[in-house]
Amino acid sequence: MRWVDGELDNYVGTTTSGLGGEHRILDPNGLWKHDAAMTTGDFTGNGRTDDLVIRWSDGETTMYADTLANQLGTEHMLVAPTS
């Protein structure tokens, strides 16, 4: 979850009955205030839902592959910024 101050948290073990344990990935910062959409999934085909895809306000789309509970994975630009 990205908070309004740019803090980025992961809730490990979230189910339909509630949030899992909170793990901070990034402290509050200005960069993460510019994400327009965010989703997670298994986009690398490793069998784990550990990839984070972000579309930024400038149109850039990036994927953080193999993200851990408290650390972003390797960044890959999928779509270059449009502005």
N, C-alpha and C. Protein backbone atom coordinates (compact mmCIF):
# COMPACT_ATOMS: atom_id res chain seq x y z
N MET A 1 0.84 -1.16 0.00
CA MET A 1 0.00 0.00 0.00
C MET A 1 0.89 1.24 0.00
N ARG A 2 0.50 2.21 -0.83
CA ARG A 2 1.22 3.49 -0.86
C ARG A 2 0.35 4.51 -0.16
N TRP A 3 0.93 5.13 0.87
CA TRP A 3 0.22 6.14 1.65
C TRP A 3 0.42 7.51 1.01
N VAL A 4 -0.40 8.51 1.41
CA VAL A 4 -0.35 9.84 0.80
C VAL A 4 1.00 10.52 0.97
N ASP A 5 1.78 10.14 2.00
CA ASP A 5 3.10 10.74 2.20
C ASP A 5 4.20 10.02 1.45
N GLY A 6 3.83 9.01 0.64
CA GLY A 6 4.80 8.28 -0.15
C GLY A 6 5.34 7.03 0.52
N GLU A 7 4.96 6.77 1.77
CA GLU A 7 5.39 5.54 2.45
C GLU A 7 4.81 4.34 1.70
N LEU A 8 5.62 3.29 1.59
CA LEU A 8 5.20 2.09 0.88
C LEU A 8 5.28 0.91 1.84
N ASP A 9 4.16 0.23 2.05
CA ASP A 9 4.09 -0.91 2.97
C ASP A 9 3.55 -2.14 2.26
N ASN A 10 3.95 -3.29 2.77
CA ASN A 10 3.47 -4.58 2.29
C ASN A 10 2.75 -5.25 3.46
N TYR A 11 1.60 -5.84 3.20
CA TYR A 11 0.85 -6.56 4.22
C TYR A 11 0.89 -8.04 3.89
N VAL A 12 1.88 -8.72 4.46
CA VAL A 12 2.14 -10.13 4.16
C VAL A 12 1.10 -11.00 4.85
N GLY A 13 0.49 -11.90 4.09
CA GLY A 13 -0.49 -12.82 4.64
C GLY A 13 -1.90 -12.28 4.62
N THR A 14 -2.15 -11.24 3.81
CA THR A 14 -3.50 -10.68 3.70
C THR A 14 -4.43 -11.71 3.07
N THR A 15 -5.61 -11.86 3.66
CA THR A 15 -6.63 -12.76 3.14
C THR A 15 -7.95 -12.00 3.07
N THR A 16 -8.99 -12.67 2.65
CA THR A 16 -10.31 -12.04 2.59
C THR A 16 -10.84 -11.70 3.98
N SER A 17 -10.26 -12.28 5.02
CA SER A 17 -10.73 -11.98 6.38
C SER A 17 -9.91 -10.91 7.08
N GLY A 18 -8.89 -10.37 6.45
CA GLY A 18 -8.16 -9.28 7.08
C GLY A 18 -6.77 -9.06 6.55
N LEU A 19 -6.19 -7.93 6.97
CA LEU A 19 -4.82 -7.58 6.58
C LEU A 19 -3.82 -8.46 7.31
N GLY A 20 -2.73 -8.75 6.61
CA GLY A 20 -1.62 -9.47 7.22
C GLY A 20 -0.71 -8.52 7.96
N GLY A 21 0.42 -9.01 8.38
CA GLY A 21 1.39 -8.19 9.11
C GLY A 21 2.02 -7.13 8.24
N GLU A 22 2.13 -5.92 8.78
CA GLU A 22 2.69 -4.79 8.02
C GLU A 22 4.21 -4.85 8.00
N HIS A 23 4.78 -4.69 6.81
CA HIS A 23 6.23 -4.61 6.61
C HIS A 23 6.50 -3.37 5.78
N ARG A 24 7.28 -2.43 6.30
CA ARG A 24 7.61 -1.22 5.55
C ARG A 24 8.65 -1.53 4.49
N ILE A 25 8.34 -1.10 3.26
CA ILE A 25 9.29 -1.25 2.16
C ILE A 25 10.09 0.04 2.01
N LEU A 26 9.41 1.20 2.03
CA LEU A 26 10.09 2.49 1.91
C LEU A 26 9.49 3.49 2.89
N ASP A 27 10.35 4.30 3.49
CA ASP A 27 9.89 5.40 4.33
C ASP A 27 9.21 6.45 3.47
N PRO A 28 8.43 7.36 4.09
CA PRO A 28 7.80 8.43 3.33
C PRO A 28 8.81 9.16 2.43
N ASN A 29 8.39 9.43 1.18
CA ASN A 29 9.27 10.10 0.23
C ASN A 29 8.43 10.68 -0.90
N GLY A 30 8.97 11.65 -1.60
CA GLY A 30 8.25 12.34 -2.67
C GLY A 30 8.02 11.53 -3.92
N LEU A 31 8.94 10.65 -4.27
CA LEU A 31 8.83 9.89 -5.52
C LEU A 31 7.54 9.07 -5.58
N TRP A 32 7.23 8.39 -4.53
CA TRP A 32 6.10 7.47 -4.55
C TRP A 32 4.76 8.17 -4.47
N LYS A 33 4.76 9.49 -4.38
CA LYS A 33 3.51 10.24 -4.46
C LYS A 33 3.04 10.35 -5.91
N HIS A 34 3.87 9.93 -6.87
CA HIS A 34 3.59 10.09 -8.30
C HIS A 34 3.13 8.81 -8.99
N ASP A 35 2.80 7.77 -8.21
CA ASP A 35 2.28 6.57 -8.87
C ASP A 35 0.80 6.79 -9.18
N ALA A 36 0.38 6.33 -10.34
CA ALA A 36 -1.01 6.48 -10.77
C ALA A 36 -1.79 5.19 -10.56
N ALA A 37 -1.12 4.05 -10.70
CA ALA A 37 -1.76 2.75 -10.50
C ALA A 37 -0.68 1.75 -10.09
N MET A 38 -1.10 0.77 -9.30
CA MET A 38 -0.15 -0.22 -8.79
C MET A 38 -0.86 -1.56 -8.69
N THR A 39 -0.15 -2.64 -9.05
CA THR A 39 -0.71 -3.99 -8.90
C THR A 39 0.42 -4.96 -8.62
N THR A 40 0.07 -6.10 -8.08
CA THR A 40 1.03 -7.17 -7.83
C THR A 40 0.58 -8.42 -8.55
N GLY A 41 1.51 -9.32 -8.77
CA GLY A 41 1.19 -10.59 -9.40
C GLY A 41 2.45 -11.39 -9.66
N ASP A 42 2.29 -12.51 -10.31
CA ASP A 42 3.42 -13.35 -10.73
C ASP A 42 3.65 -13.10 -12.21
N PHE A 43 4.34 -12.00 -12.51
CA PHE A 43 4.57 -11.61 -13.90
C PHE A 43 5.87 -12.19 -14.46
N THR A 44 6.72 -12.75 -13.59
CA THR A 44 7.97 -13.35 -14.06
C THR A 44 7.86 -14.86 -14.20
N GLY A 45 6.75 -15.44 -13.78
CA GLY A 45 6.53 -16.87 -13.93
C GLY A 45 7.28 -17.73 -12.95
N ASN A 46 7.66 -17.17 -11.78
CA ASN A 46 8.40 -17.96 -10.80
C ASN A 46 7.49 -18.66 -9.80
N GLY A 47 6.17 -18.54 -9.96
CA GLY A 47 5.24 -19.21 -9.07
C GLY A 47 4.94 -18.43 -7.80
N ARG A 48 5.48 -17.22 -7.68
CA ARG A 48 5.23 -16.40 -6.48
C ARG A 48 4.62 -15.06 -6.90
N THR A 49 3.68 -14.58 -6.12
CA THR A 49 3.07 -13.27 -6.37
C THR A 49 3.95 -12.22 -5.72
N ASP A 50 5.12 -11.96 -6.33
CA ASP A 50 6.11 -11.09 -5.71
C ASP A 50 6.62 -10.00 -6.65
N ASP A 51 5.85 -9.72 -7.70
CA ASP A 51 6.23 -8.68 -8.65
C ASP A 51 5.28 -7.50 -8.48
N LEU A 52 5.83 -6.30 -8.46
CA LEU A 52 5.07 -5.07 -8.28
C LEU A 52 5.18 -4.25 -9.55
N VAL A 53 4.04 -3.90 -10.16
CA VAL A 53 4.02 -3.10 -11.39
C VAL A 53 3.38 -1.77 -11.07
N ILE A 54 4.04 -0.68 -11.47
CA ILE A 54 3.57 0.68 -11.21
C ILE A 54 3.49 1.46 -12.51
N ARG A 55 2.37 2.15 -12.71
CA ARG A 55 2.27 3.15 -13.78
C ARG A 55 2.38 4.50 -13.09
N TRP A 56 3.36 5.28 -13.52
CA TRP A 56 3.65 6.57 -12.91
C TRP A 56 2.84 7.67 -13.59
N SER A 57 2.76 8.82 -12.95
CA SER A 57 1.95 9.93 -13.46
C SER A 57 2.46 10.44 -14.81
N ASP A 58 3.72 10.19 -15.18
CA ASP A 58 4.25 10.62 -16.47
C ASP A 58 4.10 9.56 -17.56
N GLY A 59 3.37 8.47 -17.26
CA GLY A 59 3.14 7.42 -18.24
C GLY A 59 4.13 6.27 -18.18
N GLU A 60 5.25 6.45 -17.49
CA GLU A 60 6.21 5.36 -17.36
C GLU A 60 5.57 4.21 -16.60
N THR A 61 5.91 2.99 -17.01
CA THR A 61 5.48 1.80 -16.29
C THR A 61 6.72 0.99 -15.94
N THR A 62 6.84 0.65 -14.66
CA THR A 62 7.99 -0.12 -14.20
C THR A 62 7.51 -1.34 -13.43
N MET A 63 8.35 -2.37 -13.42
CA MET A 63 8.09 -3.56 -12.62
C MET A 63 9.26 -3.78 -11.68
N TYR A 64 8.94 -4.07 -10.44
CA TYR A 64 9.93 -4.48 -9.46
C TYR A 64 9.76 -5.98 -9.27
N ALA A 65 10.65 -6.76 -9.91
CA ALA A 65 10.55 -8.22 -9.90
C ALA A 65 11.14 -8.77 -8.60
N ASP A 66 10.52 -9.83 -8.10
CA ASP A 66 11.01 -10.55 -6.92
C ASP A 66 11.09 -9.65 -5.69
N THR A 67 10.05 -8.85 -5.47
CA THR A 67 9.99 -7.97 -4.31
C THR A 67 9.81 -8.81 -3.05
N LEU A 68 10.57 -8.46 -2.02
CA LEU A 68 10.48 -9.15 -0.73
C LEU A 68 9.48 -8.44 0.17
N ALA A 69 9.22 -8.99 1.33
CA ALA A 69 8.25 -8.40 2.26
C ALA A 69 8.61 -6.97 2.63
N ASN A 70 9.90 -6.66 2.71
CA ASN A 70 10.32 -5.33 3.15
C ASN A 70 11.38 -4.70 2.25
N GLN A 71 11.45 -5.12 1.00
CA GLN A 71 12.45 -4.59 0.07
C GLN A 71 11.97 -4.74 -1.36
N LEU A 72 12.10 -3.65 -2.14
CA LEU A 72 11.74 -3.71 -3.56
C LEU A 72 12.68 -4.64 -4.30
N GLY A 73 12.15 -5.30 -5.31
CA GLY A 73 12.98 -6.16 -6.15
C GLY A 73 13.69 -5.36 -7.23
N THR A 74 14.19 -6.06 -8.22
CA THR A 74 14.93 -5.45 -9.32
C THR A 74 13.99 -4.66 -10.20
N GLU A 75 14.35 -3.40 -10.49
CA GLU A 75 13.51 -2.52 -11.30
C GLU A 75 13.73 -2.77 -12.79
N HIS A 76 12.62 -2.87 -13.53
CA HIS A 76 12.63 -3.02 -14.97
C HIS A 76 11.67 -2.00 -15.57
N MET A 77 12.14 -1.16 -16.50
CA MET A 77 11.24 -0.23 -17.19
C MET A 77 10.51 -1.01 -18.27
N LEU A 78 9.19 -0.98 -18.22
CA LEU A 78 8.37 -1.66 -19.21
C LEU A 78 7.90 -0.71 -20.31
N VAL A 79 7.58 0.53 -19.92
CA VAL A 79 7.13 1.56 -20.86
C VAL A 79 7.83 2.85 -20.47
N ALA A 80 8.46 3.51 -21.43
CA ALA A 80 9.17 4.78 -21.18
C ALA A 80 8.16 5.90 -20.87
N PRO A 81 8.60 6.93 -20.15
CA PRO A 81 7.71 8.07 -19.88
C PRO A 81 7.26 8.73 -21.18
N THR A 82 6.05 9.29 -21.15
CA THR A 82 5.51 9.95 -22.33
C THR A 82 5.66 11.45 -22.27
N SER A 83 6.02 11.98 -21.11
CA SER A 83 6.15 13.43 -21.00
C SER A 83 7.51 13.82 -20.48
